[in-house]
Amino acid sequence: GGGSLERTKLCRAPAVGGRVAGMTLVEVTVAMTVTIMALGTVSAVFTALTRGSAELQTNLLSRKESERARIALTNDLQLTDTLGSDDLGMPFFMVKDAGDGQSNTIEFRNVEGFVPDGAGGVDFMYSSPVVYEVDEAANLLRTQNGQSRVMANHVRKVAYEVTSSGVVIVDMVMYAVADDPGLDVSNRFQIAPRNTLQM
């Protein structure tokens, strides 16, 4: 019997302040509540970070598409004459306005070469018409000689304007999520055709 009593005494926690040491049910409940609240906060932060990361990724995608469009348009429009017209009076560059809220279309011809004009100058040789337009799938298309290529995706709107000096101003809006304009990326840039400046 004495050994059993001794073991009981050894297993029992020492008394603190007149009661047996340990956690009461109230203390355990409070500790669990605090732990659950802390986990909830961590979960909310993680969710916010994940959402922010997804938005950043879609924003970068829109910026990439915007840059693709800018490079394509710049490469093409540097070689046109936005102010001149041919012998028949047809402009080398035209903006076709589709109306409020719609993307505009441009049609132009590029300089492909030149020949001496016999008077010490040169006559420029122009390409067949090139058309940039936005299709129903929100792609920026470049069409020439019946062949179309996608130059950028996710185009919500594009508008063109030509200044009196021949500089082309492009306003472009790309989207990351079609039904969430809050994630749109806007880009405004200018293109100065080289041959227009030289003429």
Protein backbone atom coordinates (compact mmCIF):
# COMPACT_ATOMS: atom_id res chain seq x y z
CA GLY A 1 0.00 0.00 0.00
CA GLY A 2 2.79 2.43 0.83
CA GLY A 3 4.36 2.12 -2.62
CA SER A 4 1.04 2.85 -4.29
CA LEU A 5 0.53 5.99 -2.20
CA GLU A 6 4.04 7.13 -2.99
CA ARG A 7 3.46 6.72 -6.72
CA THR A 8 0.26 8.74 -6.42
CA LYS A 9 2.12 11.55 -4.73
CA LEU A 10 4.82 11.55 -7.42
CA CYS A 11 2.30 11.73 -10.29
CA ARG A 12 0.27 14.58 -8.85
CA ALA A 13 1.38 18.09 -9.89
CA PRO A 14 2.55 20.33 -7.08
CA ALA A 15 0.00 22.72 -5.62
CA VAL A 16 0.22 26.43 -6.53
CA GLY A 17 -1.62 28.98 -4.43
CA GLY A 18 -3.70 26.41 -2.68
CA ARG A 19 -4.95 24.54 -5.77
CA VAL A 20 -3.62 21.88 -8.06
CA ALA A 21 -1.46 23.29 -10.91
CA GLY A 22 -2.77 22.99 -14.49
CA MET A 23 -5.28 24.69 -16.77
CA THR A 24 -8.94 25.02 -15.99
CA LEU A 25 -11.63 24.55 -18.61
CA VAL A 26 -12.06 28.34 -18.88
CA GLU A 27 -8.35 28.82 -19.50
CA VAL A 28 -8.30 26.10 -22.15
CA THR A 29 -11.31 27.71 -23.88
CA VAL A 30 -9.69 31.16 -23.87
CA ALA A 31 -6.42 29.72 -25.19
CA MET A 32 -8.24 27.91 -28.00
CA THR A 33 -10.20 31.06 -28.89
CA VAL A 34 -7.00 33.13 -29.11
CA THR A 35 -5.34 30.42 -31.23
CA ILE A 36 -8.31 30.22 -33.63
CA MET A 37 -8.35 34.02 -33.97
CA ALA A 38 -4.62 34.03 -34.73
CA LEU A 39 -5.05 31.33 -37.36
CA GLY A 40 -7.94 33.27 -38.88
CA THR A 41 -5.76 36.36 -39.15
CA VAL A 42 -2.94 34.38 -40.78
CA SER A 43 -5.44 32.83 -43.19
CA ALA A 44 -6.86 36.26 -44.12
CA VAL A 45 -3.36 37.64 -44.74
CA PHE A 46 -2.46 34.61 -46.87
CA THR A 47 -5.67 34.98 -48.89
CA ALA A 48 -5.00 38.70 -49.45
CA LEU A 49 -1.43 37.97 -50.54
CA THR A 50 -2.62 35.26 -52.93
CA ARG A 51 -5.25 37.57 -54.41
CA GLY A 52 -2.69 40.37 -54.73
CA SER A 53 -0.27 38.01 -56.44
CA ALA A 54 -2.95 36.91 -58.92
CA GLU A 55 -3.86 40.53 -59.70
CA LEU A 56 -0.20 41.39 -60.18
CA GLN A 57 0.22 38.48 -62.56
CA THR A 58 -2.80 39.48 -64.66
CA ASN A 59 -1.64 43.11 -64.63
CA LEU A 60 1.78 42.05 -65.93
CA LEU A 61 0.09 40.01 -68.66
CA SER A 62 -1.90 43.08 -69.77
CA ARG A 63 1.24 45.21 -69.78
CA LYS A 64 3.03 42.59 -71.87
CA GLU A 65 0.22 42.62 -74.46
CA SER A 66 0.22 46.42 -74.47
CA GLU A 67 3.95 46.44 -75.14
CA ARG A 68 3.55 43.91 -77.97
CA ALA A 69 0.99 46.18 -79.61
CA ARG A 70 3.16 49.28 -79.15
CA ILE A 71 6.19 47.62 -80.76
CA ALA A 72 4.17 46.33 -83.72
CA LEU A 73 2.50 49.68 -84.39
CA THR A 74 5.75 51.61 -83.99
CA ASN A 75 7.62 49.35 -86.42
CA ASP A 76 4.90 49.79 -89.04
CA LEU A 77 3.97 53.43 -88.64
CA GLN A 78 7.55 54.70 -88.66
CA LEU A 79 7.59 53.85 -92.35
CA THR A 80 4.44 55.60 -93.49
CA ASP A 81 3.55 59.16 -94.41
CA THR A 82 0.70 60.31 -92.20
CA LEU A 83 0.22 63.63 -94.00
CA GLY A 84 0.73 62.87 -97.68
CA SER A 85 -1.32 61.29 -100.43
CA ASP A 86 -0.61 59.62 -103.76
CA ASP A 87 -1.08 61.02 -107.29
CA LEU A 88 -4.77 60.04 -107.15
CA GLY A 89 -5.30 61.93 -103.89
CA MET A 90 -5.56 58.80 -101.74
CA PRO A 91 -3.99 59.41 -98.31
CA PHE A 92 -1.14 57.15 -97.30
CA PHE A 93 -2.60 57.00 -93.78
CA MET A 94 -6.27 56.98 -92.73
CA VAL A 95 -8.09 56.61 -89.42
CA LYS A 96 -11.51 55.03 -89.69
CA ASP A 97 -13.52 56.11 -86.67
CA ALA A 98 -15.97 53.44 -85.48
CA GLY A 99 -17.82 55.78 -83.10
CA ASP A 100 -17.90 56.45 -79.38
CA GLY A 101 -16.61 53.65 -77.21
CA GLN A 102 -15.44 51.59 -80.17
CA SER A 103 -11.95 50.79 -81.37
CA ASN A 104 -10.78 52.68 -84.42
CA THR A 105 -9.22 51.09 -87.47
CA ILE A 106 -6.22 52.43 -89.36
CA GLU A 107 -5.25 51.80 -92.96
CA PHE A 108 -1.90 52.91 -94.32
CA ARG A 109 0.84 52.19 -96.84
CA ASN A 110 4.51 51.90 -95.93
CA VAL A 111 7.51 53.17 -97.84
CA GLU A 112 9.25 50.14 -99.35
CA GLY A 113 11.88 51.91 -101.39
CA PHE A 114 12.53 54.81 -103.74
CA VAL A 115 13.60 55.59 -107.29
CA PRO A 116 15.28 58.70 -108.73
CA ASP A 117 12.76 61.15 -110.11
CA GLY A 118 15.12 62.55 -112.79
CA ALA A 119 15.23 65.98 -111.18
CA GLY A 120 17.73 65.19 -108.47
CA GLY A 121 15.12 63.93 -106.03
CA VAL A 122 13.46 60.62 -105.37
CA ASP A 123 10.00 59.11 -105.68
CA PHE A 124 8.98 56.81 -102.86
CA MET A 125 7.52 53.39 -103.56
CA TYR A 126 4.68 52.37 -101.25
CA SER A 127 3.43 48.97 -100.15
CA SER A 128 -0.05 47.54 -100.50
CA PRO A 129 -2.45 48.73 -97.78
CA VAL A 130 -1.93 47.56 -94.20
CA VAL A 131 -4.92 47.51 -91.84
CA TYR A 132 -4.89 47.37 -88.04
CA GLU A 133 -8.21 46.54 -86.39
CA VAL A 134 -9.61 44.89 -83.28
CA ASP A 135 -11.68 41.78 -83.98
CA GLU A 136 -14.62 40.37 -82.00
CA ALA A 137 -12.24 38.21 -79.93
CA ALA A 138 -10.42 41.37 -78.73
CA ASN A 139 -7.31 40.69 -80.80
CA LEU A 140 -5.35 43.45 -82.51
CA LEU A 141 -5.06 42.20 -86.11
CA ARG A 142 -2.65 43.31 -88.80
CA THR A 143 -3.93 42.50 -92.29
CA GLN A 144 -2.06 42.93 -95.56
CA ASN A 145 -2.73 41.24 -98.91
CA GLY A 146 -5.50 39.16 -97.32
CA GLN A 147 -3.18 37.73 -94.66
CA SER A 148 -4.00 38.51 -91.01
CA ARG A 149 -1.74 38.19 -87.98
CA VAL A 150 -2.57 38.68 -84.31
CA MET A 151 -0.28 41.40 -82.92
CA ALA A 152 -1.75 41.52 -79.38
CA ASN A 153 -4.54 40.00 -77.30
CA HIS A 154 -7.00 41.34 -74.71
CA VAL A 155 -7.56 44.71 -76.38
CA ARG A 156 -10.50 46.51 -74.83
CA LYS A 157 -10.12 49.66 -76.93
CA VAL A 158 -7.66 51.44 -79.20
CA ALA A 159 -7.94 54.94 -80.66
CA TYR A 160 -5.66 56.81 -83.05
CA GLU A 161 -5.15 60.50 -83.62
CA VAL A 162 -2.82 62.36 -85.99
CA THR A 163 -1.39 65.73 -85.03
CA SER A 164 -0.84 68.56 -87.48
CA SER A 165 2.85 67.65 -87.62
CA GLY A 166 2.08 64.04 -88.59
CA VAL A 167 2.73 62.37 -85.24
CA VAL A 168 0.38 59.48 -84.45
CA ILE A 169 -1.01 59.36 -80.90
CA VAL A 170 -2.28 55.95 -79.81
CA ASP A 171 -4.54 55.40 -76.81
CA MET A 172 -4.86 51.74 -75.92
CA VAL A 173 -6.63 49.88 -73.12
CA MET A 174 -5.82 46.23 -72.45
CA TYR A 175 -7.78 44.03 -70.08
CA ALA A 176 -6.74 41.20 -67.78
CA VAL A 177 -10.27 40.07 -66.96
CA ALA A 178 -12.96 40.90 -69.51
CA ASP A 179 -15.66 41.76 -66.97
CA ASP A 180 -13.39 43.63 -64.52
CA PRO A 181 -12.35 47.05 -65.91
CA GLY A 182 -10.64 47.75 -62.59
CA LEU A 183 -7.71 45.60 -63.75
CA ASP A 184 -7.36 47.32 -67.14
CA VAL A 185 -4.02 48.74 -68.24
CA SER A 186 -4.03 51.99 -70.23
CA ASN A 187 -1.17 53.00 -72.48
CA ARG A 188 -0.78 56.25 -74.43
CA PHE A 189 2.17 56.66 -76.76
CA GLN A 190 3.30 58.64 -79.79
CA ILE A 191 4.83 57.48 -83.04
CA ALA A 192 6.69 59.90 -85.33
CA PRO A 193 7.03 58.45 -88.86
CA ARG A 194 10.64 58.83 -90.00
CA ASN A 195 9.87 59.69 -93.59
CA THR A 196 7.31 62.30 -92.51
CA LEU A 197 10.00 63.99 -90.45
CA GLN A 198 12.48 63.81 -93.34
CA MET A 199 10.01 65.28 -95.79
